[in-house]
């Protein structure tokens, strides 16, 4: 017969492993979505995966955070299409996007 304490320890270990596995899957899913945005994408497409972050930015450069977790970030450089306005345009084109990285939030 299995000792009750040993059974509880095995159950606890299995639960921790399952939670850990779920977290790894969650992070992998977020990274896969983030990596769908490539150079040549529009700002409008980028905003389906990311939200803007506070801090210093311009129409040509901005840090974005994952919609699922604001600690997952990318830095993006744009080519402003069409208008010469200083305002961001959904048609602006991504010319450079950093590798995803982790960082606490930045406020204005």
PDB file of N, CA and C in Angstrom:
ATOM      1  N   UNK A   1       0.841  -1.180   0.000  1.00  0.00           N
ATOM      2  CA  UNK A   1       0.000   0.000   0.000  1.00  0.00           C
ATOM      3  C   UNK A   1       0.889   1.248   0.000  1.00  0.00           C
ATOM      4  N   UNK A   2       0.480   2.276  -0.743  1.00  0.00           N
ATOM      5  CA  UNK A   2       1.260   3.510  -0.873  1.00  0.00           C
ATOM      6  C   UNK A   2       1.033   4.389   0.357  1.00  0.00           C
ATOM      7  N   UNK A   3       2.110   4.900   0.882  1.00  0.00           N
ATOM      8  CA  UNK A   3       2.064   5.837   2.007  1.00  0.00           C
ATOM      9  C   UNK A   3       1.320   7.104   1.573  1.00  0.00           C
ATOM     10  N   UNK A   4       0.413   7.578   2.411  1.00  0.00           N
ATOM     11  CA  UNK A   4      -0.403   8.757   2.091  1.00  0.00           C
ATOM     12  C   UNK A   4       0.467   9.982   1.826  1.00  0.00           C
ATOM     13  N   UNK A   5       1.516  10.184   2.613  1.00  0.00           N
ATOM     14  CA  UNK A   5       2.409  11.336   2.407  1.00  0.00           C
ATOM     15  C   UNK A   5       3.143  11.235   1.077  1.00  0.00           C
ATOM     16  N   UNK A   6       3.557  10.033   0.724  1.00  0.00           N
ATOM     17  CA  UNK A   6       4.247   9.837  -0.557  1.00  0.00           C
ATOM     18  C   UNK A   6       3.291  10.115  -1.715  1.00  0.00           C
ATOM     19  N   UNK A   7       2.054   9.683  -1.584  1.00  0.00           N
ATOM     20  CA  UNK A   7       1.058   9.918  -2.635  1.00  0.00           C
ATOM     21  C   UNK A   7       0.793  11.409  -2.803  1.00  0.00           C
ATOM     22  N   UNK A   8       0.682  12.126  -1.670  1.00  0.00           N
ATOM     23  CA  UNK A   8       0.470  13.573  -1.742  1.00  0.00           C
ATOM     24  C   UNK A   8       1.661  14.284  -2.372  1.00  0.00           C
ATOM     25  N   UNK A   9       2.863  13.839  -2.055  1.00  0.00           N
ATOM     26  CA  UNK A   9       4.066  14.438  -2.644  1.00  0.00           C
ATOM     27  C   UNK A   9       4.095  14.212  -4.146  1.00  0.00           C
ATOM     28  N   UNK A  10       3.740  13.005  -4.586  1.00  0.00           N
ATOM     29  CA  UNK A  10       3.697  12.716  -6.033  1.00  0.00           C
ATOM     30  C   UNK A  10       2.642  13.567  -6.728  1.00  0.00           C
ATOM     31  N   UNK A  11       1.481  13.694  -6.091  1.00  0.00           N
ATOM     32  CA  UNK A  11       0.413  14.518  -6.658  1.00  0.00           C
ATOM     33  C   UNK A  11       0.845  15.979  -6.745  1.00  0.00           C
ATOM     34  N   UNK A  12       1.487  16.485  -5.704  1.00  0.00           N
ATOM     35  CA  UNK A  12       1.968  17.878  -5.710  1.00  0.00           C
ATOM     36  C   UNK A  12       3.005  18.078  -6.806  1.00  0.00           C
ATOM     37  N   UNK A  13       3.925  17.141  -6.965  1.00  0.00           N
ATOM     38  CA  UNK A  13       4.952  17.247  -8.008  1.00  0.00           C
ATOM     39  C   UNK A  13       4.321  17.227  -9.392  1.00  0.00           C
ATOM     40  N   UNK A  14       3.327  16.359  -9.582  1.00  0.00           N
ATOM     41  CA  UNK A  14       2.649  16.288 -10.881  1.00  0.00           C
ATOM     42  C   UNK A  14       1.906  17.587 -11.172  1.00  0.00           C
ATOM     43  N   UNK A  15       1.298  18.190 -10.149  1.00  0.00           N
ATOM     44  CA  UNK A  15       0.570  19.449 -10.319  1.00  0.00           C
ATOM     45  C   UNK A  15       1.524  20.575 -10.703  1.00  0.00           C
ATOM     46  N   UNK A  16       2.663  20.666 -10.014  1.00  0.00           N
ATOM     47  CA  UNK A  16       3.658  21.700 -10.329  1.00  0.00           C
ATOM     48  C   UNK A  16       4.166  21.510 -11.751  1.00  0.00           C
ATOM     49  N   UNK A  17       4.442  20.267 -12.143  1.00  0.00           N
ATOM     50  CA  UNK A  17       4.923  20.002 -13.501  1.00  0.00           C
ATOM     51  C   UNK A  17       3.869  20.408 -14.533  1.00  0.00           C
ATOM     52  N   UNK A  18       2.603  20.097 -14.280  1.00  0.00           N
ATOM     53  CA  UNK A  18       1.529  20.452 -15.208  1.00  0.00           C
ATOM     54  C   UNK A  18       1.409  21.963 -15.326  1.00  0.00           C
ATOM     55  N   UNK A  19       1.489  22.678 -14.182  1.00  0.00           N
ATOM     56  CA  UNK A  19       1.415  24.137 -14.220  1.00  0.00           C
ATOM     57  C   UNK A  19       2.604  24.717 -14.975  1.00  0.00           C
ATOM     58  N   UNK A  20       3.779  24.168 -14.736  1.00  0.00           N
ATOM     59  CA  UNK A  20       4.983  24.628 -15.426  1.00  0.00           C
ATOM     60  C   UNK A  20       4.844  24.410 -16.923  1.00  0.00           C
ATOM     61  N   UNK A  21       4.353  23.253 -17.299  1.00  0.00           N
ATOM     62  CA  UNK A  21       4.154  22.939 -18.711  1.00  0.00           C
ATOM     63  C   UNK A  21       3.139  23.896 -19.347  1.00  0.00           C
ATOM     64  N   UNK A  22       2.071  24.213 -18.604  1.00  0.00           N
ATOM     65  CA  UNK A  22       1.073  25.169 -19.099  1.00  0.00           C
ATOM     66  C   UNK A  22       1.689  26.541 -19.310  1.00  0.00           C
ATOM     67  N   UNK A  23       2.562  26.967 -18.398  1.00  0.00           N
ATOM     68  CA  UNK A  23       3.217  28.273 -18.526  1.00  0.00           C
ATOM     69  C   UNK A  23       4.135  28.305 -19.736  1.00  0.00           C
ATOM     70  N   UNK A  24       4.867  27.231 -19.943  1.00  0.00           N
ATOM     71  CA  UNK A  24       5.766  27.161 -21.097  1.00  0.00           C
ATOM     72  C   UNK A  24       4.959  27.240 -22.389  1.00  0.00           C
ATOM     73  N   UNK A  25       3.854  26.544 -22.439  1.00  0.00           N
ATOM     74  CA  UNK A  25       2.987  26.576 -23.625  1.00  0.00           C
ATOM     75  C   UNK A  25       2.431  27.979 -23.841  1.00  0.00           C
ATOM     76  N   UNK A  26       2.010  28.643 -22.759  1.00  0.00           N
ATOM     77  CA  UNK A  26       1.464  29.993 -22.845  1.00  0.00           C
ATOM     78  C   UNK A  26       2.507  30.966 -23.400  1.00  0.00           C
ATOM     79  N   UNK A  27       3.729  30.900 -22.877  1.00  0.00           N
ATOM     80  CA  UNK A  27       4.799  31.781 -23.357  1.00  0.00           C
ATOM     81  C   UNK A  27       5.101  31.486 -24.832  1.00  0.00           C
ATOM     82  N   UNK A  28       5.174  30.226 -25.200  1.00  0.00           N
ATOM     83  CA  UNK A  28       5.458  29.857 -26.593  1.00  0.00           C
ATOM     84  C   UNK A  28       4.375  30.388 -27.528  1.00  0.00           C
ATOM     85  N   UNK A  29       3.120  30.308 -27.118  1.00  0.00           N
ATOM     86  CA  UNK A  29       2.024  30.815 -27.953  1.00  0.00           C
ATOM     87  C   UNK A  29       2.135  32.325 -28.153  1.00  0.00           C
ATOM     88  N   UNK A  30       2.476  33.046 -27.091  1.00  0.00           N
ATOM     89  CA  UNK A  30       2.641  34.502 -27.205  1.00  0.00           C
ATOM     90  C   UNK A  30       3.792  34.827 -28.155  1.00  0.00           C
ATOM     91  N   UNK A  31       4.925  34.152 -27.979  1.00  0.00           N
ATOM     92  CA  UNK A  31       6.077  34.416 -28.849  1.00  0.00           C
ATOM     93  C   UNK A  31       5.755  34.120 -30.310  1.00  0.00           C
ATOM     94  N   UNK A  32       5.014  33.058 -30.566  1.00  0.00           N
ATOM     95  CA  UNK A  32       4.627  32.732 -31.949  1.00  0.00           C
ATOM     96  C   UNK A  32       3.794  33.856 -32.554  1.00  0.00           C
ATOM     97  N   UNK A  33       2.829  34.388 -31.774  1.00  0.00           N
ATOM     98  CA  UNK A  33       2.010  35.503 -32.275  1.00  0.00           C
ATOM     99  C   UNK A  33       2.868  36.741 -32.522  1.00  0.00           C
ATOM    100  N   UNK A  34       3.787  37.022 -31.592  1.00  0.00           N
ATOM    101  CA  UNK A  34       4.653  38.198 -31.739  1.00  0.00           C
ATOM    102  C   UNK A  34       5.506  38.076 -33.003  1.00  0.00           C
ATOM    103  N   UNK A  35       5.980  36.888 -33.281  1.00  0.00           N
ATOM    104  CA  UNK A  35       6.872  36.690 -34.426  1.00  0.00           C
ATOM    105  C   UNK A  35       6.149  36.652 -35.767  1.00  0.00           C
ATOM    106  N   UNK A  36       4.819  36.787 -35.762  1.00  0.00           N
ATOM    107  CA  UNK A  36       4.094  36.895 -37.035  1.00  0.00           C
ATOM    108  C   UNK A  36       4.287  38.267 -37.659  1.00  0.00           C
ATOM    109  N   UNK A  37       4.714  39.236 -36.851  1.00  0.00           N
ATOM    110  CA  UNK A  37       4.934  40.587 -37.370  1.00  0.00           C
ATOM    111  C   UNK A  37       6.369  40.684 -37.879  1.00  0.00           C
ATOM    112  N   UNK A  38       6.493  40.948 -39.159  1.00  0.00           N
ATOM    113  CA  UNK A  38       7.797  41.014 -39.838  1.00  0.00           C
ATOM    114  C   UNK A  38       7.953  42.383 -40.495  1.00  0.00           C
ATOM    115  N   UNK A  39       9.172  42.658 -40.951  1.00  0.00           N
ATOM    116  CA  UNK A  39       9.363  43.881 -41.724  1.00  0.00           C
ATOM    117  C   UNK A  39       8.443  43.819 -42.938  1.00  0.00           C
ATOM    118  N   UNK A  40       7.899  44.965 -43.297  1.00  0.00           N
ATOM    119  CA  UNK A  40       6.949  45.027 -44.403  1.00  0.00           C
ATOM    120  C   UNK A  40       5.501  45.050 -43.937  1.00  0.00           C
ATOM    121  N   UNK A  41       5.246  44.676 -42.683  1.00  0.00           N
ATOM    122  CA  UNK A  41       3.885  44.729 -42.146  1.00  0.00           C
ATOM    123  C   UNK A  41       3.490  46.181 -41.913  1.00  0.00           C
ATOM    124  N   UNK A  42       2.215  46.445 -41.871  1.00  0.00           N
ATOM    125  CA  UNK A  42       1.732  47.798 -41.576  1.00  0.00           C
ATOM    126  C   UNK A  42       1.551  47.976 -40.071  1.00  0.00           C
ATOM    127  N   UNK A  43       1.493  49.225 -39.660  1.00  0.00           N
ATOM    128  CA  UNK A  43       1.221  49.533 -38.259  1.00  0.00           C
ATOM    129  C   UNK A  43      -0.136  48.942 -37.854  1.00  0.00           C
ATOM    130  N   UNK A  44      -1.098  48.986 -38.761  1.00  0.00           N
ATOM    131  CA  UNK A  44      -2.428  48.443 -38.487  1.00  0.00           C
ATOM    132  C   UNK A  44      -2.354  46.947 -38.165  1.00  0.00           C
ATOM    133  N   UNK A  45      -1.581  46.198 -38.920  1.00  0.00           N
ATOM    134  CA  UNK A  45      -1.408  44.770 -38.670  1.00  0.00           C
ATOM    135  C   UNK A  45      -0.695  44.538 -37.347  1.00  0.00           C
ATOM    136  N   UNK A  46       0.337  45.316 -37.078  1.00  0.00           N
ATOM    137  CA  UNK A  46       1.090  45.208 -35.835  1.00  0.00           C
ATOM    138  C   UNK A  46       0.173  45.398 -34.626  1.00  0.00           C
ATOM    139  N   UNK A  47      -0.772  46.327 -34.721  1.00  0.00           N
ATOM    140  CA  UNK A  47      -1.658  46.630 -33.599  1.00  0.00           C
ATOM    141  C   UNK A  47      -2.682  45.530 -33.321  1.00  0.00           C
ATOM    142  N   UNK A  48      -2.746  44.524 -34.154  1.00  0.00           N
ATOM    143  CA  UNK A  48      -3.603  43.362 -33.877  1.00  0.00           C
ATOM    144  C   UNK A  48      -2.922  42.418 -32.888  1.00  0.00           C
ATOM    145  N   UNK A  49      -1.599  42.538 -32.752  1.00  0.00           N
ATOM    146  CA  UNK A  49      -0.811  41.673 -31.871  1.00  0.00           C
ATOM    147  C   UNK A  49      -0.267  42.454 -30.669  1.00  0.00           C
ATOM    148  N   UNK A  50      -0.005  43.751 -30.855  1.00  0.00           N
ATOM    149  CA  UNK A  50       0.649  44.571 -29.841  1.00  0.00           C
ATOM    150  C   UNK A  50      -0.185  45.783 -29.460  1.00  0.00           C
ATOM    151  N   UNK A  51       0.115  46.315 -28.278  1.00  0.00           N
ATOM    152  CA  UNK A  51      -0.383  47.617 -27.821  1.00  0.00           C
ATOM    153  C   UNK A  51       0.815  48.553 -27.712  1.00  0.00           C
ATOM    154  N   UNK A  52       0.555  49.849 -27.763  1.00  0.00           N
ATOM    155  CA  UNK A  52       1.643  50.813 -27.583  1.00  0.00           C
ATOM    156  C   UNK A  52       2.033  50.855 -26.113  1.00  0.00           C
ATOM    157  N   UNK A  53       3.285  51.244 -25.873  1.00  0.00           N
ATOM    158  CA  UNK A  53       3.751  51.430 -24.507  1.00  0.00           C
ATOM    159  C   UNK A  53       4.084  52.896 -24.318  1.00  0.00           C
ATOM    160  N   UNK A  54       4.031  53.348 -23.075  1.00  0.00           N
ATOM    161  CA  UNK A  54       4.395  54.720 -22.763  1.00  0.00           C
ATOM    162  C   UNK A  54       5.885  54.933 -22.980  1.00  0.00           C
ATOM    163  N   UNK A  55       6.317  56.134 -22.720  1.00  0.00           N
ATOM    164  CA  UNK A  55       7.724  56.454 -22.899  1.00  0.00           C
ATOM    165  C   UNK A  55       7.939  57.300 -24.135  1.00  0.00           C
ATOM    166  N   UNK A  56       9.181  57.600 -24.410  1.00  0.00           N
ATOM    167  CA  UNK A  56       9.537  58.451 -25.548  1.00  0.00           C
ATOM    168  C   UNK A  56       9.361  57.680 -26.845  1.00  0.00           C
ATOM    169  N   UNK A  57       8.648  58.300 -27.782  1.00  0.00           N
ATOM    170  CA  UNK A  57       8.440  57.672 -29.088  1.00  0.00           C
ATOM    171  C   UNK A  57       8.131  58.746 -30.117  1.00  0.00           C
ATOM    172  N   UNK A  58       8.073  58.324 -31.361  1.00  0.00           N
ATOM    173  CA  UNK A  58       7.689  59.206 -32.462  1.00  0.00           C
ATOM    174  C   UNK A  58       6.941  58.371 -33.481  1.00  0.00           C
ATOM    175  N   UNK A  59       6.542  59.016 -34.549  1.00  0.00           N
ATOM    176  CA  UNK A  59       5.872  58.282 -35.621  1.00  0.00           C
ATOM    177  C   UNK A  59       6.805  57.222 -36.205  1.00  0.00           C
ATOM    178  N   UNK A  60       8.101  57.448 -36.112  1.00  0.00           N
ATOM    179  CA  UNK A  60       9.082  56.583 -36.764  1.00  0.00           C
ATOM    180  C   UNK A  60       9.642  55.495 -35.858  1.00  0.00           C
ATOM    181  N   UNK A  61       9.436  55.600 -34.547  1.00  0.00           N
ATOM    182  CA  UNK A  61      10.010  54.627 -33.610  1.00  0.00           C
ATOM    183  C   UNK A  61       9.141  54.542 -32.372  1.00  0.00           C
ATOM    184  N   UNK A  62       8.882  53.303 -31.922  1.00  0.00           N
ATOM    185  CA  UNK A  62       8.051  53.124 -30.729  1.00  0.00           C
ATOM    186  C   UNK A  62       8.290  51.728 -30.158  1.00  0.00           C
ATOM    187  N   UNK A  63       8.104  51.592 -28.845  1.00  0.00           N
ATOM    188  CA  UNK A  63       8.124  50.288 -28.192  1.00  0.00           C
ATOM    189  C   UNK A  63       6.689  49.801 -28.077  1.00  0.00           C
ATOM    190  N   UNK A  64       6.497  48.527 -28.378  1.00  0.00           N
ATOM    191  CA  UNK A  64       5.174  47.901 -28.291  1.00  0.00           C
ATOM    192  C   UNK A  64       5.230  46.736 -27.318  1.00  0.00           C
ATOM    193  N   UNK A  65       4.084  46.445 -26.692  1.00  0.00           N
ATOM    194  CA  UNK A  65       3.965  45.334 -25.757  1.00  0.00           C
ATOM    195  C   UNK A  65       2.928  44.345 -26.273  1.00  0.00           C
ATOM    196  N   UNK A  66       3.138  43.093 -25.944  1.00  0.00           N
ATOM    197  CA  UNK A  66       2.187  42.049 -26.325  1.00  0.00           C
ATOM    198  C   UNK A  66       0.817  42.335 -25.715  1.00  0.00           C
ATOM    199  N   UNK A  67      -0.234  42.048 -26.450  1.00  0.00           N
ATOM    200  CA  UNK A  67      -1.587  42.209 -25.910  1.00  0.00           C
ATOM    201  C   UNK A  67      -1.843  41.238 -24.764  1.00  0.00           C
ATOM    202  N   UNK A  68      -1.159  40.079 -24.765  1.00  0.00           N
ATOM    203  CA  UNK A  68      -1.368  39.077 -23.718  1.00  0.00           C
ATOM    204  C   UNK A  68      -0.584  39.365 -22.440  1.00  0.00           C
ATOM    205  N   UNK A  69       0.589  39.974 -22.569  1.00  0.00           N
ATOM    206  CA  UNK A  69       1.424  40.244 -21.397  1.00  0.00           C
ATOM    207  C   UNK A  69       2.282  41.476 -21.671  1.00  0.00           C
ATOM    208  N   UNK A  70       2.103  42.547 -20.906  1.00  0.00           N
ATOM    209  CA  UNK A  70       2.818  43.792 -21.184  1.00  0.00           C
ATOM    210  C   UNK A  70       4.316  43.746 -20.894  1.00  0.00           C
ATOM    211  N   UNK A  71       4.821  42.640 -20.357  1.00  0.00           N
ATOM    212  CA  UNK A  71       6.256  42.509 -20.112  1.00  0.00           C
ATOM    213  C   UNK A  71       6.995  41.978 -21.336  1.00  0.00           C
ATOM    214  N   UNK A  72       6.259  41.455 -22.331  1.00  0.00           N
ATOM    215  CA  UNK A  72       6.857  40.980 -23.582  1.00  0.00           C
ATOM    216  C   UNK A  72       6.823  42.138 -24.567  1.00  0.00           C
ATOM    217  N   UNK A  73       8.008  42.564 -25.023  1.00  0.00           N
ATOM    218  CA  UNK A  73       8.097  43.802 -25.803  1.00  0.00           C
ATOM    219  C   UNK A  73       8.920  43.641 -27.075  1.00  0.00           C
ATOM    220  N   UNK A  74       8.730  44.605 -27.981  1.00  0.00           N
ATOM    221  CA  UNK A  74       9.562  44.754 -29.171  1.00  0.00           C
ATOM    222  C   UNK A  74       9.725  46.243 -29.433  1.00  0.00           C
ATOM    223  N   UNK A  75      10.841  46.613 -30.040  1.00  0.00           N
ATOM    224  CA  UNK A  75      11.075  47.982 -30.495  1.00  0.00           C
ATOM    225  C   UNK A  75      10.905  47.977 -32.009  1.00  0.00           C
ATOM    226  N   UNK A  76      10.157  48.945 -32.515  1.00  0.00           N
ATOM    227  CA  UNK A  76       9.802  48.961 -33.934  1.00  0.00           C
ATOM    228  C   UNK A  76      10.185  50.295 -34.561  1.00  0.00           C
ATOM    229  N   UNK A  77      10.727  50.225 -35.784  1.00  0.00           N
ATOM    230  CA  UNK A  77      11.031  51.404 -36.596  1.00  0.00           C
ATOM    231  C   UNK A  77      10.114  51.351 -37.813  1.00  0.00           C
ATOM    232  N   UNK A  78       9.561  52.510 -38.179  1.00  0.00           N
ATOM    233  CA  UNK A  78       8.615  52.599 -39.291  1.00  0.00           C
ATOM    234  C   UNK A  78       9.108  53.510 -40.391  1.00  0.00           C
ATOM    235  N   UNK A  79       8.620  53.253 -41.593  1.00  0.00           N
ATOM    236  CA  UNK A  79       8.732  54.168 -42.727  1.00  0.00           C
ATOM    237  C   UNK A  79       7.358  54.810 -42.859  1.00  0.00           C
ATOM    238  N   UNK A  80       7.295  56.131 -42.736  1.00  0.00           N
ATOM    239  CA  UNK A  80       6.021  56.834 -42.833  1.00  0.00           C
ATOM    240  C   UNK A  80       5.580  56.879 -44.289  1.00  0.00           C
ATOM    241  N   UNK A  81       4.422  56.334 -44.548  1.00  0.00           N
ATOM    242  CA  UNK A  81       3.923  56.306 -45.923  1.00  0.00           C
ATOM    243  C   UNK A  81       2.996  57.477 -46.180  1.00  0.00           C
ATOM    244  N   UNK A  82       3.006  57.947 -47.411  1.00  0.00           N
ATOM    245  CA  UNK A  82       2.063  58.973 -47.823  1.00  0.00           C
ATOM    246  C   UNK A  82       2.276  60.319 -47.186  1.00  0.00           C
ATOM    247  N   UNK A  83       1.507  60.601 -46.197  1.00  0.00           N
ATOM    248  CA  UNK A  83       1.458  61.941 -45.596  1.00  0.00           C
ATOM    249  C   UNK A  83       2.751  62.323 -44.884  1.00  0.00           C
ATOM    250  N   UNK A  84       2.951  63.616 -44.753  1.00  0.00           N
ATOM    251  CA  UNK A  84       4.118  64.122 -44.026  1.00  0.00           C
ATOM    252  C   UNK A  84       3.747  64.533 -42.600  1.00  0.00           C
ATOM    253  N   UNK A  85       2.551  64.194 -42.171  1.00  0.00           N
ATOM    254  CA  UNK A  85       2.081  64.521 -40.825  1.00  0.00           C
ATOM    255  C   UNK A  85       2.947  63.823 -39.779  1.00  0.00           C
ATOM    256  N   UNK A  86       3.133  64.457 -38.622  1.00  0.00           N
ATOM    257  CA  UNK A  86       3.892  63.807 -37.544  1.00  0.00           C
ATOM    258  C   UNK A  86       3.078  62.712 -36.837  1.00  0.00           C
ATOM    259  N   UNK A  87       1.789  62.609 -37.162  1.00  0.00           N
ATOM    260  CA  UNK A  87       0.917  61.624 -36.526  1.00  0.00           C
ATOM    261  C   UNK A  87       1.115  60.228 -37.110  1.00  0.00           C
ATOM    262  N   UNK A  88       0.979  59.228 -36.258  1.00  0.00           N
ATOM    263  CA  UNK A  88       1.082  57.845 -36.720  1.00  0.00           C
ATOM    264  C   UNK A  88      -0.050  57.540 -37.693  1.00  0.00           C
ATOM    265  N   UNK A  89       0.265  56.722 -38.684  1.00  0.00           N
ATOM    266  CA  UNK A  89      -0.704  56.352 -39.704  1.00  0.00           C
ATOM    267  C   UNK A  89      -0.774  54.820 -39.746  1.00  0.00           C
ATOM    268  N   UNK A  90      -1.971  54.247 -39.813  1.00  0.00           N
ATOM    269  CA  UNK A  90      -2.094  52.787 -39.860  1.00  0.00           C
ATOM    270  C   UNK A  90      -1.371  52.165 -41.059  1.00  0.00           C
ATOM    271  N   UNK A  91      -1.100  52.970 -42.082  1.00  0.00           N
ATOM    272  CA  UNK A  91      -0.422  52.459 -43.288  1.00  0.00           C
ATOM    273  C   UNK A  91       1.099  52.509 -43.192  1.00  0.00           C
ATOM    274  N   UNK A  92       1.641  53.091 -42.121  1.00  0.00           N
ATOM    275  CA  UNK A  92       3.098  53.121 -41.946  1.00  0.00           C
ATOM    276  C   UNK A  92       3.636  51.691 -42.001  1.00  0.00           C
ATOM    277  N   UNK A  93       4.836  51.543 -42.556  1.00  0.00           N
ATOM    278  CA  UNK A  93       5.424  50.223 -42.783  1.00  0.00           C
ATOM    279  C   UNK A  93       6.541  49.933 -41.771  1.00  0.00           C
ATOM    280  N   UNK A  94       6.510  48.731 -41.201  1.00  0.00           N
ATOM    281  CA  UNK A  94       7.564  48.288 -40.291  1.00  0.00           C
ATOM    282  C   UNK A  94       8.832  48.049 -41.113  1.00  0.00           C
ATOM    283  N   UNK A  95       9.919  48.771 -40.781  1.00  0.00           N
ATOM    284  CA  UNK A  95      11.191  48.566 -41.478  1.00  0.00           C
ATOM    285  C   UNK A  95      12.197  47.815 -40.621  1.00  0.00           C
ATOM    286  N   UNK A  96      11.955  47.810 -39.297  1.00  0.00           N
ATOM    287  CA  UNK A  96      12.831  47.078 -38.387  1.00  0.00           C
ATOM    288  C   UNK A  96      12.025  46.722 -37.147  1.00  0.00           C
ATOM    289  N   UNK A  97      12.175  45.478 -36.694  1.00  0.00           N
ATOM    290  CA  UNK A  97      11.524  45.051 -35.461  1.00  0.00           C
ATOM    291  C   UNK A  97      12.524  44.226 -34.669  1.00  0.00           C
ATOM    292  N   UNK A  98      12.673  44.565 -33.397  1.00  0.00           N
ATOM    293  CA  UNK A  98      13.652  43.868 -32.556  1.00  0.00           C
ATOM    294  C   UNK A  98      13.174  42.460 -32.226  1.00  0.00           C
ATOM    295  N   UNK A  99      14.084  41.684 -31.691  1.00  0.00           N
ATOM    296  CA  UNK A  99      13.695  40.390 -31.142  1.00  0.00           C
ATOM    297  C   UNK A  99      12.852  40.668 -29.905  1.00  0.00           C
ATOM    298  N   UNK A 100      11.878  39.817 -29.603  1.00  0.00           N
ATOM    299  CA  UNK A 100      11.097  40.007 -28.376  1.00  0.00           C
ATOM    300  C   UNK A 100      12.005  39.976 -27.143  1.00  0.00           C
ATOM    301  N   UNK A 101      11.672  40.805 -26.154  1.00  0.00           N
ATOM    302  CA  UNK A 101      12.426  40.811 -24.907  1.00  0.00           C
ATOM    303  C   UNK A 101      11.473  41.043 -23.737  1.00  0.00           C
ATOM    304  N   UNK A 102      11.960  40.769 -22.530  1.00  0.00           N
ATOM    305  CA  UNK A 102      11.195  40.963 -21.300  1.00  0.00           C
ATOM    306  C   UNK A 102      11.676  42.216 -20.587  1.00  0.00           C
ATOM    307  N   UNK A 103      10.712  43.000 -20.081  1.00  0.00           N
ATOM    308  CA  UNK A 103      11.051  44.197 -19.315  1.00  0.00           C
ATOM    309  C   UNK A 103       9.794  44.687 -18.600  1.00  0.00           C
ATOM    310  N   UNK A 104       9.978  45.223 -17.388  1.00  0.00           N
ATOM    311  CA  UNK A 104       8.849  45.817 -16.696  1.00  0.00           C
ATOM    312  C   UNK A 104       8.354  47.034 -17.462  1.00  0.00           C
ATOM    313  N   UNK A 105       7.135  47.495 -17.166  1.00  0.00           N
ATOM    314  CA  UNK A 105       6.488  48.586 -17.881  1.00  0.00           C
ATOM    315  C   UNK A 105       7.187  49.923 -17.744  1.00  0.00           C
ATOM    316  N   UNK A 106       6.977  50.761 -18.751  1.00  0.00           N
ATOM    317  CA  UNK A 106       7.487  52.122 -18.769  1.00  0.00           C
ATOM    318  C   UNK A 106       6.313  53.059 -18.756  1.00  0.00           C
ATOM    319  N   UNK A 107       6.298  54.007 -17.843  1.00  0.00           N
ATOM    320  CA  UNK A 107       5.208  54.981 -17.777  1.00  0.00           C
ATOM    321  C   UNK A 107       5.582  56.283 -18.438  1.00  0.00           C
ATOM    322  N   UNK A 108       4.594  57.084 -18.674  1.00  0.00           N
ATOM    323  CA  UNK A 108       4.841  58.415 -19.266  1.00  0.00           C
ATOM    324  C   UNK A 108       5.214  59.409 -18.206  1.00  0.00           C
TER     325      UNK A 108
END
